[in-house]
Amino acid sequence: MPKLRVDPDKIQKVLTNLLANAIEATGENSRIRVATAACNGWASISVADNGCGMSAEFIRQSLFRPFQTTKKKGVGIGMFLSKMMVEAHAGKIEVDSQPGKGTTFHVLLPIHKEPS
């Protein structure tokens, strides 16, 4: 089993944010999937939904910028803070999205190698 050096509270906040966003993006026939994997020195946690999706332009220009939101009641700092928390763990966050089809976020965290 891979070992990660993370602050569990911070990673929980990231996952809570991703799940809350997925819930808000989906409607009555919502489907949200959480998966984990390990590959090439990275542990991956993916959150996928079949919601409204995002345009490539929004992802490129606004997604991880503070105070940018598409939500009526949002303030636009959740994804910015999530990205900062993941990067503070030497990780990265990636997104695949298509308008009208859904979004998948991949949180990638480095696997800690045990000394031989």
PDB file of N, CA and C in Angstrom:
ATOM      1  N   MET A   1       0.846  -1.175   0.000  1.00  0.00           N
ATOM      2  CA  MET A   1       0.000   0.000   0.000  1.00  0.00           C
ATOM      3  C   MET A   1       0.898   1.246   0.000  1.00  0.00           C
ATOM      4  N   PRO A   2       0.644   2.193  -0.934  1.00  0.00           N
ATOM      5  CA  PRO A   2       1.486   3.387  -0.991  1.00  0.00           C
ATOM      6  C   PRO A   2       1.294   4.263   0.241  1.00  0.00           C
ATOM      7  N   LYS A   3       2.379   4.920   0.606  1.00  0.00           N
ATOM      8  CA  LYS A   3       2.333   5.829   1.752  1.00  0.00           C
ATOM      9  C   LYS A   3       2.401   7.257   1.246  1.00  0.00           C
ATOM     10  N   LEU A   4       1.550   8.097   1.814  1.00  0.00           N
ATOM     11  CA  LEU A   4       1.518   9.507   1.458  1.00  0.00           C
ATOM     12  C   LEU A   4       1.832  10.335   2.689  1.00  0.00           C
ATOM     13  N   ARG A   5       2.565  11.409   2.477  1.00  0.00           N
ATOM     14  CA  ARG A   5       2.809  12.362   3.550  1.00  0.00           C
ATOM     15  C   ARG A   5       1.915  13.568   3.301  1.00  0.00           C
ATOM     16  N   VAL A   6       0.767  13.561   3.956  1.00  0.00           N
ATOM     17  CA  VAL A   6      -0.200  14.630   3.757  1.00  0.00           C
ATOM     18  C   VAL A   6      -0.800  15.057   5.085  1.00  0.00           C
ATOM     19  N   ASP A   7      -1.332  16.245   5.094  1.00  0.00           N
ATOM     20  CA  ASP A   7      -2.137  16.722   6.217  1.00  0.00           C
ATOM     21  C   ASP A   7      -3.563  16.245   5.925  1.00  0.00           C
ATOM     22  N   PRO A   8      -4.050  15.253   6.667  1.00  0.00           N
ATOM     23  CA  PRO A   8      -5.360  14.678   6.342  1.00  0.00           C
ATOM     24  C   PRO A   8      -6.486  15.708   6.365  1.00  0.00           C
ATOM     25  N   ASP A   9      -6.418  16.706   7.248  1.00  0.00           N
ATOM     26  CA  ASP A   9      -7.469  17.722   7.301  1.00  0.00           C
ATOM     27  C   ASP A   9      -7.507  18.541   6.011  1.00  0.00           C
ATOM     28  N   LYS A  10      -6.342  18.881   5.481  1.00  0.00           N
ATOM     29  CA  LYS A  10      -6.273  19.685   4.249  1.00  0.00           C
ATOM     30  C   LYS A  10      -6.786  18.881   3.057  1.00  0.00           C
ATOM     31  N   ILE A  11      -6.356  17.633   2.945  1.00  0.00           N
ATOM     32  CA  ILE A  11      -6.813  16.805   1.822  1.00  0.00           C
ATOM     33  C   ILE A  11      -8.304  16.530   1.943  1.00  0.00           C
ATOM     34  N   GLN A  12      -8.811  16.370   3.164  1.00  0.00           N
ATOM     35  CA  GLN A  12     -10.257  16.197   3.353  1.00  0.00           C
ATOM     36  C   GLN A  12     -11.002  17.440   2.880  1.00  0.00           C
ATOM     37  N   LYS A  13     -10.471  18.622   3.143  1.00  0.00           N
ATOM     38  CA  LYS A  13     -11.114  19.859   2.681  1.00  0.00           C
ATOM     39  C   LYS A  13     -11.149  19.910   1.155  1.00  0.00           C
ATOM     40  N   VAL A  14     -10.076  19.489   0.518  1.00  0.00           N
ATOM     41  CA  VAL A  14     -10.035  19.458  -0.948  1.00  0.00           C
ATOM     42  C   VAL A  14     -11.124  18.525  -1.468  1.00  0.00           C
ATOM     43  N   LEU A  15     -11.198  17.321  -0.918  1.00  0.00           N
ATOM     44  CA  LEU A  15     -12.186  16.343  -1.381  1.00  0.00           C
ATOM     45  C   LEU A  15     -13.608  16.792  -1.081  1.00  0.00           C
ATOM     46  N   THR A  16     -13.816  17.420   0.064  1.00  0.00           N
ATOM     47  CA  THR A  16     -15.141  17.944   0.401  1.00  0.00           C
ATOM     48  C   THR A  16     -15.555  19.006  -0.605  1.00  0.00           C
ATOM     49  N   ASN A  17     -14.623  19.878  -0.992  1.00  0.00           N
ATOM     50  CA  ASN A  17     -14.909  20.910  -1.982  1.00  0.00           C
ATOM     51  C   ASN A  17     -15.252  20.291  -3.337  1.00  0.00           C
ATOM     52  N   LEU A  18     -14.457  19.310  -3.759  1.00  0.00           N
ATOM     53  CA  LEU A  18     -14.721  18.664  -5.049  1.00  0.00           C
ATOM     54  C   LEU A  18     -16.073  17.955  -5.055  1.00  0.00           C
ATOM     55  N   LEU A  19     -16.398  17.283  -3.972  1.00  0.00           N
ATOM     56  CA  LEU A  19     -17.689  16.588  -3.885  1.00  0.00           C
ATOM     57  C   LEU A  19     -18.852  17.584  -3.845  1.00  0.00           C
ATOM     58  N   ALA A  20     -18.704  18.674  -3.101  1.00  0.00           N
ATOM     59  CA  ALA A  20     -19.755  19.701  -3.050  1.00  0.00           C
ATOM     60  C   ALA A  20     -19.976  20.298  -4.435  1.00  0.00           C
ATOM     61  N   ASN A  21     -18.885  20.562  -5.155  1.00  0.00           N
ATOM     62  CA  ASN A  21     -19.010  21.091  -6.514  1.00  0.00           C
ATOM     63  C   ASN A  21     -19.711  20.090  -7.429  1.00  0.00           C
ATOM     64  N   ALA A  22     -19.367  18.812  -7.302  1.00  0.00           N
ATOM     65  CA  ALA A  22     -19.994  17.779  -8.130  1.00  0.00           C
ATOM     66  C   ALA A  22     -21.491  17.690  -7.840  1.00  0.00           C
ATOM     67  N   ILE A  23     -21.854  17.770  -6.582  1.00  0.00           N
ATOM     68  CA  ILE A  23     -23.275  17.713  -6.202  1.00  0.00           C
ATOM     69  C   ILE A  23     -24.019  18.900  -6.800  1.00  0.00           C
ATOM     70  N   GLU A  24     -23.412  20.087  -6.726  1.00  0.00           N
ATOM     71  CA  GLU A  24     -24.058  21.286  -7.274  1.00  0.00           C
ATOM     72  C   GLU A  24     -24.159  21.237  -8.798  1.00  0.00           C
ATOM     73  N   ALA A  25     -23.221  20.567  -9.452  1.00  0.00           N
ATOM     74  CA  ALA A  25     -23.195  20.534 -10.919  1.00  0.00           C
ATOM     75  C   ALA A  25     -24.148  19.508 -11.514  1.00  0.00           C
ATOM     76  N   THR A  26     -24.642  18.589 -10.682  1.00  0.00           N
ATOM     77  CA  THR A  26     -25.488  17.518 -11.192  1.00  0.00           C
ATOM     78  C   THR A  26     -26.944  17.765 -10.831  1.00  0.00           C
ATOM     79  N   GLY A  27     -27.825  17.138 -11.570  1.00  0.00           N
ATOM     80  CA  GLY A  27     -29.260  17.290 -11.333  1.00  0.00           C
ATOM     81  C   GLY A  27     -29.858  16.027 -10.759  1.00  0.00           C
ATOM     82  N   GLU A  28     -31.114  15.772 -11.136  1.00  0.00           N
ATOM     83  CA  GLU A  28     -31.848  14.629 -10.592  1.00  0.00           C
ATOM     84  C   GLU A  28     -31.201  13.295 -10.923  1.00  0.00           C
ATOM     85  N   ASN A  29     -30.721  13.127 -12.116  1.00  0.00           N
ATOM     86  CA  ASN A  29     -30.099  11.862 -12.520  1.00  0.00           C
ATOM     87  C   ASN A  29     -28.588  11.916 -12.323  1.00  0.00           C
ATOM     88  N   SER A  30     -28.199  12.417 -11.175  1.00  0.00           N
ATOM     89  CA  SER A  30     -26.776  12.621 -10.926  1.00  0.00           C
ATOM     90  C   SER A  30     -26.036  11.318 -10.680  1.00  0.00           C
ATOM     91  N   ARG A  31     -24.792  11.336 -11.110  1.00  0.00           N
ATOM     92  CA  ARG A  31     -23.895  10.213 -10.874  1.00  0.00           C
ATOM     93  C   ARG A  31     -22.542  10.824 -10.523  1.00  0.00           C
ATOM     94  N   ILE A  32     -22.064  10.510  -9.328  1.00  0.00           N
ATOM     95  CA  ILE A  32     -20.757  10.986  -8.868  1.00  0.00           C
ATOM     96  C   ILE A  32     -19.949   9.764  -8.498  1.00  0.00           C
ATOM     97  N   ARG A  33     -18.713   9.723  -8.989  1.00  0.00           N
ATOM     98  CA  ARG A  33     -17.848   8.565  -8.741  1.00  0.00           C
ATOM     99  C   ARG A  33     -16.531   9.059  -8.149  1.00  0.00           C
ATOM    100  N   VAL A  34     -16.098   8.403  -7.099  1.00  0.00           N
ATOM    101  CA  VAL A  34     -14.798   8.683  -6.485  1.00  0.00           C
ATOM    102  C   VAL A  34     -13.944   7.432  -6.671  1.00  0.00           C
ATOM    103  N   ALA A  35     -12.729   7.628  -7.161  1.00  0.00           N
ATOM    104  CA  ALA A  35     -11.832   6.487  -7.400  1.00  0.00           C
ATOM    105  C   ALA A  35     -10.430   6.851  -6.949  1.00  0.00           C
ATOM    106  N   THR A  36      -9.676   5.837  -6.592  1.00  0.00           N
ATOM    107  CA  THR A  36      -8.271   6.021  -6.234  1.00  0.00           C
ATOM    108  C   THR A  36      -7.419   5.085  -7.076  1.00  0.00           C
ATOM    109  N   ALA A  37      -6.175   5.484  -7.265  1.00  0.00           N
ATOM    110  CA  ALA A  37      -5.237   4.658  -8.022  1.00  0.00           C
ATOM    111  C   ALA A  37      -3.830   5.091  -7.659  1.00  0.00           C
ATOM    112  N   ALA A  38      -2.867   4.259  -8.025  1.00  0.00           N
ATOM    113  CA  ALA A  38      -1.448   4.589  -7.857  1.00  0.00           C
ATOM    114  C   ALA A  38      -0.739   4.225  -9.156  1.00  0.00           C
ATOM    115  N   CYS A  39       0.060   5.183  -9.678  1.00  0.00           N
ATOM    116  CA  CYS A  39       0.750   4.944 -10.933  1.00  0.00           C
ATOM    117  C   CYS A  39       1.940   5.890 -11.069  1.00  0.00           C
ATOM    118  N   ASN A  40       3.083   5.336 -11.456  1.00  0.00           N
ATOM    119  CA  ASN A  40       4.279   6.136 -11.738  1.00  0.00           C
ATOM    120  C   ASN A  40       4.666   7.096 -10.619  1.00  0.00           C
ATOM    121  N   GLY A  41       4.572   6.624  -9.380  1.00  0.00           N
ATOM    122  CA  GLY A  41       4.992   7.438  -8.242  1.00  0.00           C
ATOM    123  C   GLY A  41       3.957   8.425  -7.737  1.00  0.00           C
ATOM    124  N   TRP A  42       2.747   8.361  -8.274  1.00  0.00           N
ATOM    125  CA  TRP A  42       1.678   9.263  -7.859  1.00  0.00           C
ATOM    126  C   TRP A  42       0.485   8.478  -7.345  1.00  0.00           C
ATOM    127  N   ALA A  43      -0.142   8.976  -6.293  1.00  0.00           N
ATOM    128  CA  ALA A  43      -1.442   8.485  -5.851  1.00  0.00           C
ATOM    129  C   ALA A  43      -2.473   9.441  -6.441  1.00  0.00           C
ATOM    130  N   SER A  44      -3.523   8.889  -6.988  1.00  0.00           N
ATOM    131  CA  SER A  44      -4.555   9.698  -7.632  1.00  0.00           C
ATOM    132  C   SER A  44      -5.890   9.487  -6.937  1.00  0.00           C
ATOM    133  N   ILE A  45      -6.561  10.595  -6.668  1.00  0.00           N
ATOM    134  CA  ILE A  45      -7.937  10.560  -6.172  1.00  0.00           C
ATOM    135  C   ILE A  45      -8.754  11.316  -7.212  1.00  0.00           C
ATOM    136  N   SER A  46      -9.719  10.640  -7.804  1.00  0.00           N
ATOM    137  CA  SER A  46     -10.536  11.260  -8.853  1.00  0.00           C
ATOM    138  C   SER A  46     -11.971  11.403  -8.384  1.00  0.00           C
ATOM    139  N   VAL A  47     -12.549  12.555  -8.708  1.00  0.00           N
ATOM    140  CA  VAL A  47     -13.967  12.808  -8.452  1.00  0.00           C
ATOM    141  C   VAL A  47     -14.582  13.149  -9.791  1.00  0.00           C
ATOM    142  N   ALA A  48     -15.511  12.300 -10.248  1.00  0.00           N
ATOM    143  CA  ALA A  48     -16.139  12.474 -11.558  1.00  0.00           C
ATOM    144  C   ALA A  48     -17.643  12.648 -11.387  1.00  0.00           C
ATOM    145  N   ASP A  49     -18.219  13.529 -12.223  1.00  0.00           N
ATOM    146  CA  ASP A  49     -19.666  13.705 -12.207  1.00  0.00           C
ATOM    147  C   ASP A  49     -20.196  13.779 -13.634  1.00  0.00           C
ATOM    148  N   ASN A  50     -21.503  13.611 -13.764  1.00  0.00           N
ATOM    149  CA  ASN A  50     -22.147  13.718 -15.067  1.00  0.00           C
ATOM    150  C   ASN A  50     -22.952  15.013 -15.146  1.00  0.00           C
ATOM    151  N   GLY A  51     -22.412  16.047 -14.545  1.00  0.00           N
ATOM    152  CA  GLY A  51     -23.113  17.326 -14.463  1.00  0.00           C
ATOM    153  C   GLY A  51     -22.945  18.205 -15.685  1.00  0.00           C
ATOM    154  N   CYS A  52     -23.061  19.512 -15.454  1.00  0.00           N
ATOM    155  CA  CYS A  52     -23.119  20.489 -16.542  1.00  0.00           C
ATOM    156  C   CYS A  52     -21.783  20.700 -17.248  1.00  0.00           C
ATOM    157  N   GLY A  53     -20.672  20.339 -16.618  1.00  0.00           N
ATOM    158  CA  GLY A  53     -19.374  20.500 -17.248  1.00  0.00           C
ATOM    159  C   GLY A  53     -18.949  21.958 -17.335  1.00  0.00           C
ATOM    160  N   MET A  54     -17.739  22.181 -17.835  1.00  0.00           N
ATOM    161  CA  MET A  54     -17.169  23.524 -17.955  1.00  0.00           C
ATOM    162  C   MET A  54     -16.512  23.654 -19.320  1.00  0.00           C
ATOM    163  N   SER A  55     -16.508  24.852 -19.833  1.00  0.00           N
ATOM    164  CA  SER A  55     -15.860  25.095 -21.119  1.00  0.00           C
ATOM    165  C   SER A  55     -14.342  25.122 -20.937  1.00  0.00           C
ATOM    166  N   ALA A  56     -13.635  24.818 -22.010  1.00  0.00           N
ATOM    167  CA  ALA A  56     -12.169  24.888 -21.976  1.00  0.00           C
ATOM    168  C   ALA A  56     -11.711  26.299 -21.648  1.00  0.00           C
ATOM    169  N   GLU A  57     -12.430  27.301 -22.142  1.00  0.00           N
ATOM    170  CA  GLU A  57     -12.082  28.699 -21.866  1.00  0.00           C
ATOM    171  C   GLU A  57     -12.204  29.008 -20.383  1.00  0.00           C
ATOM    172  N   PHE A  58     -13.298  28.557 -19.738  1.00  0.00           N
ATOM    173  CA  PHE A  58     -13.465  28.794 -18.300  1.00  0.00           C
ATOM    174  C   PHE A  58     -12.354  28.107 -17.511  1.00  0.00           C
ATOM    175  N   ILE A  59     -12.044  26.873 -17.870  1.00  0.00           N
ATOM    176  CA  ILE A  59     -10.981  26.145 -17.170  1.00  0.00           C
ATOM    177  C   ILE A  59      -9.661  26.903 -17.306  1.00  0.00           C
ATOM    178  N   ARG A  60      -9.343  27.312 -18.498  1.00  0.00           N
ATOM    179  CA  ARG A  60      -8.067  27.984 -18.776  1.00  0.00           C
ATOM    180  C   ARG A  60      -7.985  29.362 -18.112  1.00  0.00           C
ATOM    181  N   GLN A  61      -9.067  30.119 -18.139  1.00  0.00           N
ATOM    182  CA  GLN A  61      -9.007  31.511 -17.703  1.00  0.00           C
ATOM    183  C   GLN A  61      -9.476  31.761 -16.272  1.00  0.00           C
ATOM    184  N   SER A  62     -10.325  30.889 -15.727  1.00  0.00           N
ATOM    185  CA  SER A  62     -10.969  31.248 -14.467  1.00  0.00           C
ATOM    186  C   SER A  62     -10.977  30.201 -13.367  1.00  0.00           C
ATOM    187  N   LEU A  63     -10.917  28.927 -13.703  1.00  0.00           N
ATOM    188  CA  LEU A  63     -11.210  27.877 -12.731  1.00  0.00           C
ATOM    189  C   LEU A  63     -10.427  27.988 -11.425  1.00  0.00           C
ATOM    190  N   PHE A  64      -9.131  28.156 -11.495  1.00  0.00           N
ATOM    191  CA  PHE A  64      -8.319  28.158 -10.277  1.00  0.00           C
ATOM    192  C   PHE A  64      -7.957  29.566  -9.810  1.00  0.00           C
ATOM    193  N   ARG A  65      -8.604  30.580 -10.362  1.00  0.00           N
ATOM    194  CA  ARG A  65      -8.347  31.967  -9.959  1.00  0.00           C
ATOM    195  C   ARG A  65      -9.326  32.356  -8.854  1.00  0.00           C
ATOM    196  N   PRO A  66      -8.835  33.098  -7.852  1.00  0.00           N
ATOM    197  CA  PRO A  66      -9.734  33.494  -6.758  1.00  0.00           C
ATOM    198  C   PRO A  66     -10.827  34.449  -7.251  1.00  0.00           C
ATOM    199  N   PHE A  67     -11.993  34.305  -6.632  1.00  0.00           N
ATOM    200  CA  PHE A  67     -13.152  35.168  -6.864  1.00  0.00           C
ATOM    201  C   PHE A  67     -13.735  35.039  -8.272  1.00  0.00           C
ATOM    202  N   GLN A  68     -13.501  33.892  -8.924  1.00  0.00           N
ATOM    203  CA  GLN A  68     -14.115  33.573 -10.210  1.00  0.00           C
ATOM    204  C   GLN A  68     -15.079  32.418  -9.954  1.00  0.00           C
ATOM    205  N   THR A  69     -16.329  32.597 -10.280  1.00  0.00           N
ATOM    206  CA  THR A  69     -17.303  31.553 -10.032  1.00  0.00           C
ATOM    207  C   THR A  69     -18.429  31.597 -11.059  1.00  0.00           C
ATOM    208  N   THR A  70     -19.073  30.461 -11.238  1.00  0.00           N
ATOM    209  CA  THR A  70     -20.271  30.393 -12.069  1.00  0.00           C
ATOM    210  C   THR A  70     -21.505  30.192 -11.182  1.00  0.00           C
ATOM    211  N   LYS A  71     -21.287  30.111  -9.880  1.00  0.00           N
ATOM    212  CA  LYS A  71     -22.377  29.829  -8.950  1.00  0.00           C
ATOM    213  C   LYS A  71     -23.070  31.120  -8.508  1.00  0.00           C
ATOM    214  N   LYS A  72     -24.373  31.018  -8.262  1.00  0.00           N
ATOM    215  CA  LYS A  72     -25.132  32.178  -7.800  1.00  0.00           C
ATOM    216  C   LYS A  72     -24.733  32.590  -6.388  1.00  0.00           C
ATOM    217  N   LYS A  73     -24.404  31.615  -5.540  1.00  0.00           N
ATOM    218  CA  LYS A  73     -24.080  31.920  -4.153  1.00  0.00           C
ATOM    219  C   LYS A  73     -22.601  31.693  -3.818  1.00  0.00           C
ATOM    220  N   GLY A  74     -21.787  31.385  -4.794  1.00  0.00           N
ATOM    221  CA  GLY A  74     -20.381  31.114  -4.536  1.00  0.00           C
ATOM    222  C   GLY A  74     -19.552  32.391  -4.489  1.00  0.00           C
ATOM    223  N   VAL A  75     -18.400  32.297  -3.818  1.00  0.00           N
ATOM    224  CA  VAL A  75     -17.480  33.443  -3.780  1.00  0.00           C
ATOM    225  C   VAL A  75     -16.234  33.179  -4.618  1.00  0.00           C
ATOM    226  N   GLY A  76     -16.082  31.953  -5.098  1.00  0.00           N
ATOM    227  CA  GLY A  76     -15.001  31.671  -6.034  1.00  0.00           C
ATOM    228  C   GLY A  76     -13.639  31.449  -5.425  1.00  0.00           C
ATOM    229  N   ILE A  77     -13.601  30.901  -4.216  1.00  0.00           N
ATOM    230  CA  ILE A  77     -12.277  30.620  -3.639  1.00  0.00           C
ATOM    231  C   ILE A  77     -12.041  29.132  -3.377  1.00  0.00           C
ATOM    232  N   GLY A  78     -13.061  28.300  -3.528  1.00  0.00           N
ATOM    233  CA  GLY A  78     -12.918  26.872  -3.222  1.00  0.00           C
ATOM    234  C   GLY A  78     -11.876  26.168  -4.074  1.00  0.00           C
ATOM    235  N   MET A  79     -11.927  26.350  -5.381  1.00  0.00           N
ATOM    236  CA  MET A  79     -10.963  25.672  -6.252  1.00  0.00           C
ATOM    237  C   MET A  79      -9.575  26.297  -6.123  1.00  0.00           C
ATOM    238  N   PHE A  80      -9.521  27.600  -5.929  1.00  0.00           N
ATOM    239  CA  PHE A  80      -8.236  28.265  -5.713  1.00  0.00           C
ATOM    240  C   PHE A  80      -7.560  27.694  -4.465  1.00  0.00           C
ATOM    241  N   LEU A  81      -8.301  27.610  -3.359  1.00  0.00           N
ATOM    242  CA  LEU A  81      -7.736  27.064  -2.119  1.00  0.00           C
ATOM    243  C   LEU A  81      -7.397  25.584  -2.265  1.00  0.00           C
ATOM    244  N   SER A  82      -8.235  24.835  -2.955  1.00  0.00           N
ATOM    245  CA  SER A  82      -7.958  23.408  -3.167  1.00  0.00           C
ATOM    246  C   SER A  82      -6.640  23.231  -3.914  1.00  0.00           C
ATOM    247  N   LYS A  83      -6.447  24.006  -4.962  1.00  0.00           N
ATOM    248  CA  LYS A  83      -5.206  23.919  -5.733  1.00  0.00           C
ATOM    249  C   LYS A  83      -4.002  24.274  -4.866  1.00  0.00           C
ATOM    250  N   MET A  84      -4.127  25.314  -4.061  1.00  0.00           N
ATOM    251  CA  MET A  84      -3.021  25.718  -3.182  1.00  0.00           C
ATOM    252  C   MET A  84      -2.687  24.613  -2.167  1.00  0.00           C
ATOM    253  N   MET A  85      -3.719  23.973  -1.612  1.00  0.00           N
ATOM    254  CA  MET A  85      -3.487  22.909  -0.623  1.00  0.00           C
ATOM    255  C   MET A  85      -2.821  21.700  -1.272  1.00  0.00           C
ATOM    256  N   VAL A  86      -3.259  21.337  -2.466  1.00  0.00           N
ATOM    257  CA  VAL A  86      -2.663  20.191  -3.165  1.00  0.00           C
ATOM    258  C   VAL A  86      -1.206  20.511  -3.520  1.00  0.00           C
ATOM    259  N   GLU A  87      -0.952  21.699  -4.036  1.00  0.00           N
ATOM    260  CA  GLU A  87       0.413  22.081  -4.401  1.00  0.00           C
ATOM    261  C   GLU A  87       1.317  22.189  -3.178  1.00  0.00           C
ATOM    262  N   ALA A  88       0.769  22.536  -2.011  1.00  0.00           N
ATOM    263  CA  ALA A  88       1.555  22.580  -0.771  1.00  0.00           C
ATOM    264  C   ALA A  88       2.034  21.180  -0.374  1.00  0.00           C
ATOM    265  N   HIS A  89       1.388  20.146  -0.913  1.00  0.00           N
ATOM    266  CA  HIS A  89       1.788  18.758  -0.679  1.00  0.00           C
ATOM    267  C   HIS A  89       2.647  18.226  -1.834  1.00  0.00           C
ATOM    268  N   ALA A  90       3.175  19.122  -2.664  1.00  0.00           N
ATOM    269  CA  ALA A  90       3.978  18.765  -3.849  1.00  0.00           C
ATOM    270  C   ALA A  90       3.148  17.988  -4.863  1.00  0.00           C
ATOM    271  N   GLY A  91       1.844  18.217  -4.840  1.00  0.00           N
ATOM    272  CA  GLY A  91       0.946  17.539  -5.760  1.00  0.00           C
ATOM    273  C   GLY A  91       0.437  18.474  -6.832  1.00  0.00           C
ATOM    274  N   LYS A  92      -0.520  17.953  -7.591  1.00  0.00           N
ATOM    275  CA  LYS A  92      -1.146  18.764  -8.632  1.00  0.00           C
ATOM    276  C   LYS A  92      -2.594  18.332  -8.783  1.00  0.00           C
ATOM    277  N   ILE A  93      -3.373  19.230  -9.339  1.00  0.00           N
ATOM    278  CA  ILE A  93      -4.782  18.938  -9.574  1.00  0.00           C
ATOM    279  C   ILE A  93      -5.057  19.187 -11.051  1.00  0.00           C
ATOM    280  N   GLU A  94      -5.688  18.203 -11.679  1.00  0.00           N
ATOM    281  CA  GLU A  94      -5.975  18.276 -13.109  1.00  0.00           C
ATOM    282  C   GLU A  94      -7.469  18.119 -13.310  1.00  0.00           C
ATOM    283  N   VAL A  95      -7.958  18.630 -14.437  1.00  0.00           N
ATOM    284  CA  VAL A  95      -9.396  18.562 -14.714  1.00  0.00           C
ATOM    285  C   VAL A  95      -9.639  18.189 -16.169  1.00  0.00           C
ATOM    286  N   ASP A  96     -10.632  17.319 -16.365  1.00  0.00           N
ATOM    287  CA  ASP A  96     -11.156  16.975 -17.685  1.00  0.00           C
ATOM    288  C   ASP A  96     -12.640  17.321 -17.632  1.00  0.00           C
ATOM    289  N   SER A  97     -13.098  18.130 -18.566  1.00  0.00           N
ATOM    290  CA  SER A  97     -14.499  18.517 -18.535  1.00  0.00           C
ATOM    291  C   SER A  97     -15.014  18.787 -19.932  1.00  0.00           C
ATOM    292  N   GLN A  98     -16.293  18.496 -20.130  1.00  0.00           N
ATOM    293  CA  GLN A  98     -16.980  18.805 -21.381  1.00  0.00           C
ATOM    294  C   GLN A  98     -18.342  19.378 -21.037  1.00  0.00           C
ATOM    295  N   PRO A  99     -18.648  20.547 -21.581  1.00  0.00           N
ATOM    296  CA  PRO A  99     -19.966  21.134 -21.312  1.00  0.00           C
ATOM    297  C   PRO A  99     -21.084  20.150 -21.651  1.00  0.00           C
ATOM    298  N   GLY A 100     -22.018  20.016 -20.714  1.00  0.00           N
ATOM    299  CA  GLY A 100     -23.160  19.135 -20.916  1.00  0.00           C
ATOM    300  C   GLY A 100     -22.893  17.664 -20.661  1.00  0.00           C
ATOM    301  N   LYS A 101     -21.652  17.298 -20.398  1.00  0.00           N
ATOM    302  CA  LYS A 101     -21.327  15.874 -20.208  1.00  0.00           C
ATOM    303  C   LYS A 101     -20.732  15.553 -18.844  1.00  0.00           C
ATOM    304  N   GLY A 102     -20.094  16.523 -18.194  1.00  0.00           N
ATOM    305  CA  GLY A 102     -19.553  16.265 -16.876  1.00  0.00           C
ATOM    306  C   GLY A 102     -18.103  16.656 -16.722  1.00  0.00           C
ATOM    307  N   THR A 103     -17.613  16.425 -15.519  1.00  0.00           N
ATOM    308  CA  THR A 103     -16.270  16.851 -15.135  1.00  0.00           C
ATOM    309  C   THR A 103     -15.607  15.776 -14.287  1.00  0.00           C
ATOM    310  N   THR A 104     -14.313  15.612 -14.471  1.00  0.00           N
ATOM    311  CA  THR A 104     -13.504  14.758 -13.600  1.00  0.00           C
ATOM    312  C   THR A 104     -12.307  15.559 -13.118  1.00  0.00           C
ATOM    313  N   PHE A 105     -12.147  15.617 -11.805  1.00  0.00           N
ATOM    314  CA  PHE A 105     -10.960  16.212 -11.196  1.00  0.00           C
ATOM    315  C   PHE A 105     -10.058  15.084 -10.732  1.00  0.00           C
ATOM    316  N   HIS A 106      -8.766  15.239 -10.965  1.00  0.00           N
ATOM    317  CA  HIS A 106      -7.760  14.285 -10.524  1.00  0.00           C
ATOM    318  C   HIS A 106      -6.827  15.011  -9.565  1.00  0.00           C
ATOM    319  N   VAL A 107      -6.796  14.549  -8.320  1.00  0.00           N
ATOM    320  CA  VAL A 107      -5.842  15.072  -7.339  1.00  0.00           C
ATOM    321  C   VAL A 107      -4.676  14.093  -7.322  1.00  0.00           C
ATOM    322  N   LEU A 108      -3.508  14.577  -7.691  1.00  0.00           N
ATOM    323  CA  LEU A 108      -2.305  13.725  -7.756  1.00  0.00           C
ATOM    324  C   LEU A 108      -1.357  14.121  -6.640  1.00  0.00           C
ATOM    325  N   LEU A 109      -0.995  13.133  -5.827  1.00  0.00           N
ATOM    326  CA  LEU A 109      -0.088  13.356  -4.701  1.00  0.00           C
ATOM    327  C   LEU A 109       1.086  12.399  -4.806  1.00  0.00           C
ATOM    328  N   PRO A 110       2.298  12.891  -4.518  1.00  0.00           N
ATOM    329  CA  PRO A 110       3.458  12.010  -4.641  1.00  0.00           C
ATOM    330  C   PRO A 110       3.439  10.907  -3.587  1.00  0.00           C
ATOM    331  N   ILE A 111       3.790   9.707  -4.038  1.00  0.00           N
ATOM    332  CA  ILE A 111       3.898   8.572  -3.122  1.00  0.00           C
ATOM    333  C   ILE A 111       5.254   8.644  -2.437  1.00  0.00           C
ATOM    334  N   HIS A 112       5.233   8.511  -1.114  1.00  0.00           N
ATOM    335  CA  HIS A 112       6.476   8.535  -0.326  1.00  0.00           C
ATOM    336  C   HIS A 112       7.176   7.198  -0.477  1.00  0.00           C
ATOM    337  N   LYS A 113       8.419   7.267  -0.896  1.00  0.00           N
ATOM    338  CA  LYS A 113       9.209   6.033  -1.056  1.00  0.00           C
ATOM    339  C   LYS A 113       9.916   5.701   0.252  1.00  0.00           C
ATOM    340  N   GLU A 114       9.716   4.476   0.700  1.00  0.00           N
ATOM    341  CA  GLU A 114      10.398   3.995   1.913  1.00  0.00           C
ATOM    342  C   GLU A 114      11.865   3.741   1.598  1.00  0.00           C
ATOM    343  N   PRO A 115      12.760   4.104   2.512  1.00  0.00           N
ATOM    344  CA  PRO A 115      14.175   3.779   2.280  1.00  0.00           C
ATOM    345  C   PRO A 115      14.395   2.271   2.220  1.00  0.00           C
ATOM    346  N   SER A 116      15.279   1.860   1.318  1.00  0.00           N
ATOM    347  CA  SER A 116      15.536   0.420   1.139  1.00  0.00           C
ATOM    348  C   SER A 116      16.420  -0.128   2.220  1.00  0.00           C
TER     349      SER A 116
END
